[in-house]
Structures are given as C-alpha cells and as structure tokens.
C-alpha cells in the first residue's frame, strides 16, 4: 500500500475507487465499506484507495464527545493495508476541516486522488462543520463524474456494528463481544517499561505497558490474553488497572502481563498484547499472600481457557 501525503497524489494516469470514512477501528462495518471499494476498483480495472483522517487529530466525531482511539494510526494503517488497499491518504483533521463540501470533492477526491468511484456509509459527513451528507456526495459525484455508492450499515443479531458500541463494550469488560464486532482481538502494541519487579519475587515475572491517554480503556481487571514476541505468540494473563493492593501510586493505567512459558528480557521492546476474555474485575486484596493466591488461580483459568479454545 502506498501512503499519499500532502505533497503527493495518485499518478495522473491512474484512476481510483475510494472508501471514505474515519475508520477509527477498522471494524467489520468499516471493512465492509473498504472491501466494497476494493471490489469495485478491481471490477473496472482501477486502483483502490482509502481517505480517512488521522484518528488522533480528531477531537470529536459527535457521538462520544471525546474520541477515544480503538487503534493508533500505525495499527489503523496496517489493517487498511490488510484489506488489499492500493493507496491511503490520511491527513490531519485540521488541514481540511475548513474545506467546503464541493471543494473537497473537486480538489481532494477528483484532483488529488483521481476518483472515478467513491464508497461511504450512510452516516458519512464531510466539509466544514460536517454539513455535507451522503446524499450531497452523491449529488456532487454526478457533477464531477464520480460514481458514489452509499453502503448500508452492517448488522449482527439485529445490532448495528459501530465504533461507539464497541468502545462501550470494551469499557464494560465485554471484550469477547467487542472482538466479535471488531473482527480481530482488541489490544495494544506498546513498549515494555520497568515496573516494581514484585512479580519476579513471587515467581510470576511480568511485563508492564503503560496505556497512553487517548486510547479507549478496558474495564479494569484481569483478562485471558495473548502476546506476540519476536514472531511467536504466547498465552498470557493480563491485569489492567491501578494496582490497588500493592499501592503502586500509578498515575495512569498499566497493563501488567504474565506470559505463560516465556523467559526473557523484553524491556524497551514493543510488544503486541491482545485481550481474549474477561476473568474478574480489579479489586483490593487484604494481603499480598491473598493477591498471590489469586494470581495463581487466574493463571490456571487462563490456561484452561486456551486449552478449551484452541
């Protein structure tokens, strides 16, 4: 996949069918729109493209107030590439937020991206103040020779798949349901930081990853998880929260993960963590011994979960 920036565009002799949206989670509903664009492009011998703003540059999408990211922009780009997209243009929101709807269609879709086709969702908005709607895109598309397809919402069990719903499920600890709607496992790819190293003295050495501000936070508690380390994956158990028992005085949430069957030093390395199943909420234990016993129990639960869900 080729990344277009502010100084480059689609080669002049190439036409595209472009998927339009924020695609902040690249979930199953987003993939439906992107896959439709890729399919239409291939059917007419054009290239496929995606236009989306950088998620971390968008302060609000009008749904949740403050927008909490499901994916960082690097992960988002990776998942868009996995869909078979040829080109991606992902500018800062501030760069184009003042552009009028017609100027966006004329200068960006047609001029910069060579669009002969565009695919968007029913709730797609564009232009200054989000005044442009899907029907406006259809109208302007006819004027500028762009065939517009408005894709209906994707539903499962009568529920519309949306980033808003997925964020809600993650916050509630319903991680398995969130994963089903995402089409992949929710998690983080973050550097491993030095912790208090208490786990090593308890025979449960762990890795610590501080969850940055701006990411959607899972319900605090313990999860069955999996980590990717140097091309291999390992089953694990992860505690997300503020560590109330050991009084770590954390100022931001931490993902602390015990990797089953792994020995090695991961400090400073980026490690991908995926959450599979919620085991229990975060709680304060009366003693360290009680906490250690609970860690052993949670580890056995995780082992059993992965044995039963190979």
C-alpha atoms as a PDB file:
ATOM      1  CA  UNK A   1       0.000   0.000   0.000  1.00  0.00           C
ATOM      2  CA  UNK A   2       1.297   3.432  -0.959  1.00  0.00           C
ATOM      3  CA  UNK A   3       0.852   6.288   1.511  1.00  0.00           C
ATOM      4  CA  UNK A   4      -0.098   9.605  -0.088  1.00  0.00           C
ATOM      5  CA  UNK A   5       0.981  12.742   1.739  1.00  0.00           C
ATOM      6  CA  UNK A   6       0.286  16.439   1.326  1.00  0.00           C
ATOM      7  CA  UNK A   7       2.937  16.729  -1.372  1.00  0.00           C
ATOM      8  CA  UNK A   8       1.899  13.762  -3.476  1.00  0.00           C
ATOM      9  CA  UNK A   9      -1.154  12.318  -5.135  1.00  0.00           C
ATOM     10  CA  UNK A  10      -2.269   9.409  -7.276  1.00  0.00           C
ATOM     11  CA  UNK A  11      -0.248   9.107 -10.512  1.00  0.00           C
ATOM     12  CA  UNK A  12      -2.042  11.094 -13.228  1.00  0.00           C
ATOM     13  CA  UNK A  13      -2.681   8.084 -15.433  1.00  0.00           C
ATOM     14  CA  UNK A  14      -4.342   6.089 -12.625  1.00  0.00           C
ATOM     15  CA  UNK A  15      -7.979   6.125 -11.530  1.00  0.00           C
ATOM     16  CA  UNK A  16      -9.270   5.025  -8.151  1.00  0.00           C
ATOM     17  CA  UNK A  17     -12.337   3.899  -6.281  1.00  0.00           C
ATOM     18  CA  UNK A  18     -12.047   5.410  -2.829  1.00  0.00           C
ATOM     19  CA  UNK A  19     -13.513   4.324   0.534  1.00  0.00           C
ATOM     20  CA  UNK A  20     -14.401   7.328   2.698  1.00  0.00           C
ATOM     21  CA  UNK A  21     -14.719   7.449   6.485  1.00  0.00           C
ATOM     22  CA  UNK A  22     -12.819   7.921   9.717  1.00  0.00           C
ATOM     23  CA  UNK A  23     -12.339   4.139  10.053  1.00  0.00           C
ATOM     24  CA  UNK A  24     -11.122   4.638  13.618  1.00  0.00           C
ATOM     25  CA  UNK A  25     -11.490   0.954  14.464  1.00  0.00           C
ATOM     26  CA  UNK A  26     -11.324  -0.681  11.013  1.00  0.00           C
ATOM     27  CA  UNK A  27     -14.009  -2.969  12.447  1.00  0.00           C
ATOM     28  CA  UNK A  28     -16.286  -5.267  10.447  1.00  0.00           C
ATOM     29  CA  UNK A  29     -18.580  -2.382   9.460  1.00  0.00           C
ATOM     30  CA  UNK A  30     -15.614  -0.327   8.253  1.00  0.00           C
ATOM     31  CA  UNK A  31     -14.158  -3.324   6.440  1.00  0.00           C
ATOM     32  CA  UNK A  32     -17.467  -3.743   4.599  1.00  0.00           C
ATOM     33  CA  UNK A  33     -17.070  -0.236   3.138  1.00  0.00           C
ATOM     34  CA  UNK A  34     -13.371  -0.707   2.340  1.00  0.00           C
ATOM     35  CA  UNK A  35     -13.926  -4.171   0.850  1.00  0.00           C
ATOM     36  CA  UNK A  36     -16.729  -2.784  -1.339  1.00  0.00           C
ATOM     37  CA  UNK A  37     -14.374  -0.107  -2.697  1.00  0.00           C
ATOM     38  CA  UNK A  38     -11.607  -2.659  -3.324  1.00  0.00           C
ATOM     39  CA  UNK A  39     -14.048  -4.964  -5.140  1.00  0.00           C
ATOM     40  CA  UNK A  40     -15.484  -2.157  -7.302  1.00  0.00           C
ATOM     41  CA  UNK A  41     -11.995  -0.965  -8.185  1.00  0.00           C
ATOM     42  CA  UNK A  42     -10.924  -4.414  -9.326  1.00  0.00           C
ATOM     43  CA  UNK A  43     -14.097  -4.860 -11.380  1.00  0.00           C
ATOM     44  CA  UNK A  44     -13.294  -1.804 -13.515  1.00  0.00           C
ATOM     45  CA  UNK A  45      -9.506  -2.128 -13.565  1.00  0.00           C
ATOM     46  CA  UNK A  46      -8.927   0.840 -11.253  1.00  0.00           C
ATOM     47  CA  UNK A  47      -6.825   1.151  -8.122  1.00  0.00           C
ATOM     48  CA  UNK A  48      -8.400   1.102  -4.672  1.00  0.00           C
ATOM     49  CA  UNK A  49      -7.879   3.896  -2.163  1.00  0.00           C
ATOM     50  CA  UNK A  50      -8.923   4.975   1.319  1.00  0.00           C
ATOM     51  CA  UNK A  51      -9.392   8.516   2.595  1.00  0.00           C
ATOM     52  CA  UNK A  52      -9.508   8.928   6.373  1.00  0.00           C
ATOM     53  CA  UNK A  53      -8.265  11.498   8.844  1.00  0.00           C
ATOM     54  CA  UNK A  54      -5.593  10.593  11.356  1.00  0.00           C
ATOM     55  CA  UNK A  55      -7.657   9.423  14.325  1.00  0.00           C
ATOM     56  CA  UNK A  56      -5.540  11.180  16.921  1.00  0.00           C
ATOM     57  CA  UNK A  57      -6.163  14.518  15.182  1.00  0.00           C
ATOM     58  CA  UNK A  58      -9.961  14.283  15.536  1.00  0.00           C
ATOM     59  CA  UNK A  59     -11.205  15.652  18.859  1.00  0.00           C
ATOM     60  CA  UNK A  60     -14.837  14.591  18.449  1.00  0.00           C
ATOM     61  CA  UNK A  61     -16.990  12.776  15.956  1.00  0.00           C
ATOM     62  CA  UNK A  62     -20.243  13.881  17.537  1.00  0.00           C
ATOM     63  CA  UNK A  63     -21.018  10.534  19.173  1.00  0.00           C
ATOM     64  CA  UNK A  64     -18.946  10.001  22.311  1.00  0.00           C
ATOM     65  CA  UNK A  65     -17.782  13.553  22.937  1.00  0.00           C
ATOM     66  CA  UNK A  66     -14.063  12.964  23.410  1.00  0.00           C
ATOM     67  CA  UNK A  67     -12.968  10.394  20.850  1.00  0.00           C
ATOM     68  CA  UNK A  68     -11.028   7.509  22.399  1.00  0.00           C
ATOM     69  CA  UNK A  69      -8.970   5.548  19.909  1.00  0.00           C
ATOM     70  CA  UNK A  70      -9.548   1.856  19.311  1.00  0.00           C
ATOM     71  CA  UNK A  71      -6.349   1.724  17.238  1.00  0.00           C
ATOM     72  CA  UNK A  72      -3.421   4.066  16.974  1.00  0.00           C
ATOM     73  CA  UNK A  73      -2.782   5.409  13.480  1.00  0.00           C
ATOM     74  CA  UNK A  74       0.002   2.926  12.769  1.00  0.00           C
ATOM     75  CA  UNK A  75      -2.284  -0.014  13.604  1.00  0.00           C
ATOM     76  CA  UNK A  76      -5.086   1.560  11.577  1.00  0.00           C
ATOM     77  CA  UNK A  77      -2.855   1.876   8.526  1.00  0.00           C
ATOM     78  CA  UNK A  78      -1.757  -1.746   8.943  1.00  0.00           C
ATOM     79  CA  UNK A  79      -5.345  -3.027   8.990  1.00  0.00           C
ATOM     80  CA  UNK A  80      -6.321  -0.906   5.988  1.00  0.00           C
ATOM     81  CA  UNK A  81      -3.375  -2.389   4.078  1.00  0.00           C
ATOM     82  CA  UNK A  82      -4.535  -5.900   5.035  1.00  0.00           C
ATOM     83  CA  UNK A  83      -7.781  -5.191   3.143  1.00  0.00           C
ATOM     84  CA  UNK A  84      -5.818  -5.034  -0.115  1.00  0.00           C
ATOM     85  CA  UNK A  85      -5.936  -1.255  -0.477  1.00  0.00           C
ATOM     86  CA  UNK A  86      -3.537   0.269  -3.025  1.00  0.00           C
ATOM     87  CA  UNK A  87      -3.417   3.846  -1.699  1.00  0.00           C
ATOM     88  CA  UNK A  88      -4.068   5.592   1.613  1.00  0.00           C
ATOM     89  CA  UNK A  89      -4.417   9.339   2.183  1.00  0.00           C
ATOM     90  CA  UNK A  90      -4.730  10.161   5.884  1.00  0.00           C
ATOM     91  CA  UNK A  91      -4.175  13.873   6.608  1.00  0.00           C
ATOM     92  CA  UNK A  92      -4.535  15.760   9.860  1.00  0.00           C
ATOM     93  CA  UNK A  93      -8.144  16.797  10.529  1.00  0.00           C
ATOM     94  CA  UNK A  94      -7.061  20.419  10.991  1.00  0.00           C
ATOM     95  CA  UNK A  95      -5.620  20.520   7.460  1.00  0.00           C
ATOM     96  CA  UNK A  96      -9.007  20.086   5.765  1.00  0.00           C
ATOM     97  CA  UNK A  97     -11.655  20.899   8.377  1.00  0.00           C
ATOM     98  CA  UNK A  98     -12.366  24.316   6.841  1.00  0.00           C
ATOM     99  CA  UNK A  99     -12.873  22.993   3.297  1.00  0.00           C
ATOM    100  CA  UNK A 100     -16.357  23.290   1.813  1.00  0.00           C
ATOM    101  CA  UNK A 101     -18.022  20.069   0.601  1.00  0.00           C
ATOM    102  CA  UNK A 102     -17.738  20.855  -3.108  1.00  0.00           C
ATOM    103  CA  UNK A 103     -14.081  21.829  -2.776  1.00  0.00           C
ATOM    104  CA  UNK A 104     -13.403  18.512  -1.022  1.00  0.00           C
ATOM    105  CA  UNK A 105     -14.960  16.535  -3.880  1.00  0.00           C
ATOM    106  CA  UNK A 106     -13.313  18.642  -6.611  1.00  0.00           C
ATOM    107  CA  UNK A 107      -9.849  19.157  -5.126  1.00  0.00           C
ATOM    108  CA  UNK A 108      -9.302  16.068  -2.966  1.00  0.00           C
ATOM    109  CA  UNK A 109     -11.353  13.219  -4.402  1.00  0.00           C
ATOM    110  CA  UNK A 110     -11.037  14.182  -8.060  1.00  0.00           C
ATOM    111  CA  UNK A 111      -7.898  16.313  -8.134  1.00  0.00           C
ATOM    112  CA  UNK A 112      -5.630  14.565  -5.646  1.00  0.00           C
ATOM    113  CA  UNK A 113      -6.991  11.020  -5.610  1.00  0.00           C
ATOM    114  CA  UNK A 114      -8.192  10.555  -9.184  1.00  0.00           C
ATOM    115  CA  UNK A 115     -11.544   9.182  -8.049  1.00  0.00           C
ATOM    116  CA  UNK A 116     -13.969   7.717 -10.544  1.00  0.00           C
ATOM    117  CA  UNK A 117     -15.824   5.962  -7.741  1.00  0.00           C
ATOM    118  CA  UNK A 118     -16.406   6.506  -4.038  1.00  0.00           C
ATOM    119  CA  UNK A 119     -17.934   4.348  -1.304  1.00  0.00           C
ATOM    120  CA  UNK A 120     -19.173   5.682   2.038  1.00  0.00           C
ATOM    121  CA  UNK A 121     -21.532   4.747   4.852  1.00  0.00           C
ATOM    122  CA  UNK A 122     -24.997   6.172   5.383  1.00  0.00           C
ATOM    123  CA  UNK A 123     -23.745   8.399   8.226  1.00  0.00           C
ATOM    124  CA  UNK A 124     -20.776   9.825   6.316  1.00  0.00           C
ATOM    125  CA  UNK A 125     -20.269  13.588   6.698  1.00  0.00           C
ATOM    126  CA  UNK A 126     -17.709  15.895   5.095  1.00  0.00           C
ATOM    127  CA  UNK A 127     -16.844  19.533   4.614  1.00  0.00           C
ATOM    128  CA  UNK A 128     -16.640  22.426   7.044  1.00  0.00           C
ATOM    129  CA  UNK A 129     -18.892  21.865  10.046  1.00  0.00           C
ATOM    130  CA  UNK A 130     -19.749  18.365   8.706  1.00  0.00           C
ATOM    131  CA  UNK A 131     -22.514  19.969   6.596  1.00  0.00           C
ATOM    132  CA  UNK A 132     -22.018  17.534   3.705  1.00  0.00           C
ATOM    133  CA  UNK A 133     -24.017  14.301   3.937  1.00  0.00           C
ATOM    134  CA  UNK A 134     -24.061  11.103   1.905  1.00  0.00           C
ATOM    135  CA  UNK A 135     -26.763  12.495  -0.406  1.00  0.00           C
ATOM    136  CA  UNK A 136     -24.612  15.585  -1.034  1.00  0.00           C
ATOM    137  CA  UNK A 137     -21.718  13.337  -2.012  1.00  0.00           C
ATOM    138  CA  UNK A 138     -23.994  11.575  -4.491  1.00  0.00           C
ATOM    139  CA  UNK A 139     -25.109  14.917  -5.968  1.00  0.00           C
ATOM    140  CA  UNK A 140     -21.574  16.292  -6.251  1.00  0.00           C
ATOM    141  CA  UNK A 141     -20.333  12.970  -7.556  1.00  0.00           C
ATOM    142  CA  UNK A 142     -22.659  13.238 -10.547  1.00  0.00           C
ATOM    143  CA  UNK A 143     -21.353  16.738 -11.235  1.00  0.00           C
ATOM    144  CA  UNK A 144     -17.704  15.639 -11.207  1.00  0.00           C
ATOM    145  CA  UNK A 145     -18.056  12.199 -12.795  1.00  0.00           C
ATOM    146  CA  UNK A 146     -17.622  10.145  -9.620  1.00  0.00           C
ATOM    147  CA  UNK A 147     -19.924   7.166  -9.154  1.00  0.00           C
ATOM    148  CA  UNK A 148     -20.937   7.161  -5.490  1.00  0.00           C
ATOM    149  CA  UNK A 149     -22.081   4.061  -3.594  1.00  0.00           C
ATOM    150  CA  UNK A 150     -23.697   4.540  -0.188  1.00  0.00           C
ATOM    151  CA  UNK A 151     -23.322   1.302   1.766  1.00  0.00           C
ATOM    152  CA  UNK A 152     -25.934   0.343   4.329  1.00  0.00           C
ATOM    153  CA  UNK A 153     -24.926  -0.295   7.927  1.00  0.00           C
ATOM    154  CA  UNK A 154     -23.632  -3.774   8.736  1.00  0.00           C
ATOM    155  CA  UNK A 155     -25.610  -5.504  11.478  1.00  0.00           C
ATOM    156  CA  UNK A 156     -25.231  -8.671  13.518  1.00  0.00           C
ATOM    157  CA  UNK A 157     -28.092 -10.164  15.533  1.00  0.00           C
ATOM    158  CA  UNK A 158     -30.081  -7.029  14.755  1.00  0.00           C
ATOM    159  CA  UNK A 159     -27.399  -4.713  16.199  1.00  0.00           C
ATOM    160  CA  UNK A 160     -25.571  -2.159  14.048  1.00  0.00           C
ATOM    161  CA  UNK A 161     -21.804  -2.502  14.262  1.00  0.00           C
ATOM    162  CA  UNK A 162     -20.281   0.828  15.258  1.00  0.00           C
ATOM    163  CA  UNK A 163     -17.183   2.178  16.970  1.00  0.00           C
ATOM    164  CA  UNK A 164     -19.390   3.748  19.626  1.00  0.00           C
ATOM    165  CA  UNK A 165     -20.885   0.380  20.558  1.00  0.00           C
ATOM    166  CA  UNK A 166     -17.502  -1.345  20.512  1.00  0.00           C
ATOM    167  CA  UNK A 167     -15.958   1.261  22.817  1.00  0.00           C
ATOM    168  CA  UNK A 168     -18.893   0.809  25.199  1.00  0.00           C
ATOM    169  CA  UNK A 169     -18.410  -2.971  25.266  1.00  0.00           C
ATOM    170  CA  UNK A 170     -14.676  -2.611  25.937  1.00  0.00           C
ATOM    171  CA  UNK A 171     -15.286  -0.200  28.809  1.00  0.00           C
ATOM    172  CA  UNK A 172     -17.759  -2.686  30.292  1.00  0.00           C
ATOM    173  CA  UNK A 173     -15.322  -5.587  30.062  1.00  0.00           C
ATOM    174  CA  UNK A 174     -17.372  -7.375  27.388  1.00  0.00           C
ATOM    175  CA  UNK A 175     -14.203  -7.965  25.444  1.00  0.00           C
ATOM    176  CA  UNK A 176     -15.285 -11.167  23.689  1.00  0.00           C
ATOM    177  CA  UNK A 177     -18.336  -9.415  22.214  1.00  0.00           C
ATOM    178  CA  UNK A 178     -16.229  -6.396  21.237  1.00  0.00           C
ATOM    179  CA  UNK A 179     -13.771  -8.706  19.465  1.00  0.00           C
ATOM    180  CA  UNK A 180     -16.632 -10.299  17.534  1.00  0.00           C
ATOM    181  CA  UNK A 181     -17.738  -6.897  16.220  1.00  0.00           C
ATOM    182  CA  UNK A 182     -14.175  -5.760  15.533  1.00  0.00           C
ATOM    183  CA  UNK A 183     -13.302  -8.854  13.546  1.00  0.00           C
ATOM    184  CA  UNK A 184      -9.990  -9.096  15.418  1.00  0.00           C
ATOM    185  CA  UNK A 185      -8.734  -9.078  19.012  1.00  0.00           C
ATOM    186  CA  UNK A 186      -8.646  -5.732  20.793  1.00  0.00           C
ATOM    187  CA  UNK A 187      -5.375  -4.811  22.412  1.00  0.00           C
ATOM    188  CA  UNK A 188      -2.315  -2.605  22.393  1.00  0.00           C
ATOM    189  CA  UNK A 189       1.136  -2.525  20.855  1.00  0.00           C
ATOM    190  CA  UNK A 190       3.263  -0.670  23.377  1.00  0.00           C
ATOM    191  CA  UNK A 191       6.819  -0.579  24.744  1.00  0.00           C
ATOM    192  CA  UNK A 192       7.627  -2.639  27.819  1.00  0.00           C
ATOM    193  CA  UNK A 193       8.561  -0.437  30.775  1.00  0.00           C
ATOM    194  CA  UNK A 194      10.401  -1.142  34.007  1.00  0.00           C
ATOM    195  CA  UNK A 195       7.981  -1.911  36.826  1.00  0.00           C
ATOM    196  CA  UNK A 196       8.352  -2.571  40.540  1.00  0.00           C
ATOM    197  CA  UNK A 197       9.604  -6.146  39.819  1.00  0.00           C
ATOM    198  CA  UNK A 198       7.471  -7.577  42.613  1.00  0.00           C
ATOM    199  CA  UNK A 199       6.249 -10.341  40.300  1.00  0.00           C
ATOM    200  CA  UNK A 200       9.759 -11.781  39.981  1.00  0.00           C
ATOM    201  CA  UNK A 201       9.997 -12.293  43.734  1.00  0.00           C
ATOM    202  CA  UNK A 202       6.568 -14.022  43.623  1.00  0.00           C
ATOM    203  CA  UNK A 203       7.601 -16.396  40.761  1.00  0.00           C
ATOM    204  CA  UNK A 204       5.283 -14.519  38.400  1.00  0.00           C
ATOM    205  CA  UNK A 205       7.608 -12.281  36.335  1.00  0.00           C
ATOM    206  CA  UNK A 206       5.539  -9.805  34.328  1.00  0.00           C
ATOM    207  CA  UNK A 207       5.901  -7.173  31.641  1.00  0.00           C
ATOM    208  CA  UNK A 208       4.463  -3.703  32.203  1.00  0.00           C
ATOM    209  CA  UNK A 209       2.958  -1.498  29.489  1.00  0.00           C
ATOM    210  CA  UNK A 210       1.569   1.945  30.341  1.00  0.00           C
ATOM    211  CA  UNK A 211      -1.631   2.655  28.411  1.00  0.00           C
ATOM    212  CA  UNK A 212      -1.355   6.141  26.906  1.00  0.00           C
ATOM    213  CA  UNK A 213      -4.032   8.800  27.193  1.00  0.00           C
ATOM    214  CA  UNK A 214      -6.396   8.926  24.255  1.00  0.00           C
ATOM    215  CA  UNK A 215      -6.854   5.147  23.976  1.00  0.00           C
ATOM    216  CA  UNK A 216     -10.122   3.521  24.949  1.00  0.00           C
ATOM    217  CA  UNK A 217      -9.649   1.885  28.349  1.00  0.00           C
ATOM    218  CA  UNK A 218     -10.890  -1.646  29.009  1.00  0.00           C
ATOM    219  CA  UNK A 219     -12.696  -2.308  32.270  1.00  0.00           C
ATOM    220  CA  UNK A 220     -10.088  -2.595  34.993  1.00  0.00           C
ATOM    221  CA  UNK A 221      -9.493  -6.214  35.867  1.00  0.00           C
ATOM    222  CA  UNK A 222      -7.881  -9.461  34.729  1.00  0.00           C
ATOM    223  CA  UNK A 223      -8.059 -10.903  31.207  1.00  0.00           C
ATOM    224  CA  UNK A 224      -7.024 -14.000  29.317  1.00  0.00           C
ATOM    225  CA  UNK A 225      -4.617 -12.556  26.774  1.00  0.00           C
ATOM    226  CA  UNK A 226      -2.000 -13.354  24.192  1.00  0.00           C
ATOM    227  CA  UNK A 227       1.250 -11.591  23.344  1.00  0.00           C
ATOM    228  CA  UNK A 228       3.424 -11.611  20.231  1.00  0.00           C
ATOM    229  CA  UNK A 229       7.135 -11.757  20.971  1.00  0.00           C
ATOM    230  CA  UNK A 230       9.772 -11.910  18.222  1.00  0.00           C
ATOM    231  CA  UNK A 231       7.483 -13.639  15.740  1.00  0.00           C
ATOM    232  CA  UNK A 232       5.979 -16.088  18.239  1.00  0.00           C
ATOM    233  CA  UNK A 233       2.734 -15.899  20.203  1.00  0.00           C
ATOM    234  CA  UNK A 234       2.287 -16.871  23.846  1.00  0.00           C
ATOM    235  CA  UNK A 235      -0.761 -17.321  26.018  1.00  0.00           C
ATOM    236  CA  UNK A 236      -0.858 -14.942  28.944  1.00  0.00           C
ATOM    237  CA  UNK A 237      -2.900 -13.379  31.722  1.00  0.00           C
ATOM    238  CA  UNK A 238      -3.118  -9.585  31.939  1.00  0.00           C
ATOM    239  CA  UNK A 239      -4.122  -7.283  34.795  1.00  0.00           C
ATOM    240  CA  UNK A 240      -5.256  -3.827  33.649  1.00  0.00           C
ATOM    241  CA  UNK A 241      -5.699  -1.115  36.243  1.00  0.00           C
ATOM    242  CA  UNK A 242      -4.039   0.886  39.014  1.00  0.00           C
ATOM    243  CA  UNK A 243      -2.821  -1.935  41.326  1.00  0.00           C
ATOM    244  CA  UNK A 244      -4.768  -1.006  44.489  1.00  0.00           C
ATOM    245  CA  UNK A 245      -3.341  -3.839  46.646  1.00  0.00           C
ATOM    246  CA  UNK A 246       0.339  -3.011  46.225  1.00  0.00           C
ATOM    247  CA  UNK A 247      -0.316   0.757  46.347  1.00  0.00           C
ATOM    248  CA  UNK A 248       1.853   1.443  43.344  1.00  0.00           C
ATOM    249  CA  UNK A 249       0.623   5.059  43.221  1.00  0.00           C
ATOM    250  CA  UNK A 250       0.111   4.861  39.480  1.00  0.00           C
ATOM    251  CA  UNK A 251      -0.985   7.997  37.660  1.00  0.00           C
ATOM    252  CA  UNK A 252      -2.055   6.165  34.510  1.00  0.00           C
ATOM    253  CA  UNK A 253      -3.438   2.677  33.884  1.00  0.00           C
ATOM    254  CA  UNK A 254      -0.991  -0.138  33.451  1.00  0.00           C
ATOM    255  CA  UNK A 255      -1.279  -3.438  31.609  1.00  0.00           C
ATOM    256  CA  UNK A 256       0.736  -5.979  33.605  1.00  0.00           C
ATOM    257  CA  UNK A 257       1.087  -9.323  31.829  1.00  0.00           C
ATOM    258  CA  UNK A 258       2.396 -12.699  32.956  1.00  0.00           C
ATOM    259  CA  UNK A 259       3.441 -14.614  29.819  1.00  0.00           C
ATOM    260  CA  UNK A 260       2.950 -18.361  30.151  1.00  0.00           C
ATOM    261  CA  UNK A 261       6.059 -20.328  29.257  1.00  0.00           C
ATOM    262  CA  UNK A 262       8.256 -17.378  28.300  1.00  0.00           C
ATOM    263  CA  UNK A 263      11.582 -16.393  29.800  1.00  0.00           C
ATOM    264  CA  UNK A 264      13.488 -13.407  28.537  1.00  0.00           C
ATOM    265  CA  UNK A 265      14.097  -9.691  28.809  1.00  0.00           C
ATOM    266  CA  UNK A 266      11.613  -7.533  26.888  1.00  0.00           C
ATOM    267  CA  UNK A 267      12.396  -4.133  28.416  1.00  0.00           C
ATOM    268  CA  UNK A 268      12.230  -1.374  25.813  1.00  0.00           C
ATOM    269  CA  UNK A 269      10.715  -3.615  23.133  1.00  0.00           C
ATOM    270  CA  UNK A 270       7.336  -3.070  21.544  1.00  0.00           C
ATOM    271  CA  UNK A 271       5.060  -5.990  22.368  1.00  0.00           C
ATOM    272  CA  UNK A 272       1.613  -6.631  20.912  1.00  0.00           C
ATOM    273  CA  UNK A 273      -0.977  -7.575  23.517  1.00  0.00           C
ATOM    274  CA  UNK A 274      -4.432  -8.958  22.610  1.00  0.00           C
ATOM    275  CA  UNK A 275      -7.288  -9.430  25.075  1.00  0.00           C
ATOM    276  CA  UNK A 276      -9.492 -12.525  24.754  1.00  0.00           C
ATOM    277  CA  UNK A 277     -11.735 -12.985  27.792  1.00  0.00           C
ATOM    278  CA  UNK A 278     -12.560 -11.008  30.940  1.00  0.00           C
ATOM    279  CA  UNK A 279     -11.913 -13.028  34.115  1.00  0.00           C
ATOM    280  CA  UNK A 280     -12.630 -10.706  37.039  1.00  0.00           C
ATOM    281  CA  UNK A 281     -12.795  -7.010  37.966  1.00  0.00           C
ATOM    282  CA  UNK A 282      -9.934  -5.213  39.697  1.00  0.00           C
ATOM    283  CA  UNK A 283     -10.121  -5.485  43.465  1.00  0.00           C
ATOM    284  CA  UNK A 284      -8.102  -4.710  46.554  1.00  0.00           C
ATOM    285  CA  UNK A 285      -6.882  -7.753  48.490  1.00  0.00           C
ATOM    286  CA  UNK A 286      -6.353  -7.842  52.244  1.00  0.00           C
ATOM    287  CA  UNK A 287      -2.801  -9.129  51.942  1.00  0.00           C
ATOM    288  CA  UNK A 288      -0.061  -9.821  49.419  1.00  0.00           C
ATOM    289  CA  UNK A 289      -0.446 -13.570  50.084  1.00  0.00           C
ATOM    290  CA  UNK A 290      -4.108 -13.343  49.125  1.00  0.00           C
ATOM    291  CA  UNK A 291      -3.132 -11.486  45.942  1.00  0.00           C
ATOM    292  CA  UNK A 292      -0.502 -14.114  45.061  1.00  0.00           C
ATOM    293  CA  UNK A 293      -3.055 -16.905  45.525  1.00  0.00           C
ATOM    294  CA  UNK A 294      -5.458 -15.061  43.214  1.00  0.00           C
ATOM    295  CA  UNK A 295      -2.739 -14.633  40.573  1.00  0.00           C
ATOM    296  CA  UNK A 296      -2.150 -18.410  40.640  1.00  0.00           C
ATOM    297  CA  UNK A 297      -5.893 -19.013  40.265  1.00  0.00           C
ATOM    298  CA  UNK A 298      -6.180 -16.557  37.361  1.00  0.00           C
ATOM    299  CA  UNK A 299      -3.198 -18.165  35.636  1.00  0.00           C
ATOM    300  CA  UNK A 300      -4.884 -21.572  35.856  1.00  0.00           C
ATOM    301  CA  UNK A 301      -8.100 -20.047  34.498  1.00  0.00           C
ATOM    302  CA  UNK A 302      -6.205 -18.619  31.515  1.00  0.00           C
ATOM    303  CA  UNK A 303      -4.505 -21.949  30.829  1.00  0.00           C
ATOM    304  CA  UNK A 304      -7.868 -23.713  30.894  1.00  0.00           C
ATOM    305  CA  UNK A 305      -9.454 -21.069  28.633  1.00  0.00           C
ATOM    306  CA  UNK A 306      -6.808 -21.520  25.934  1.00  0.00           C
ATOM    307  CA  UNK A 307      -6.922 -25.308  26.216  1.00  0.00           C
ATOM    308  CA  UNK A 308     -10.673 -25.198  25.605  1.00  0.00           C
ATOM    309  CA  UNK A 309     -10.456 -22.547  22.858  1.00  0.00           C
ATOM    310  CA  UNK A 310      -7.587 -23.627  20.683  1.00  0.00           C
END
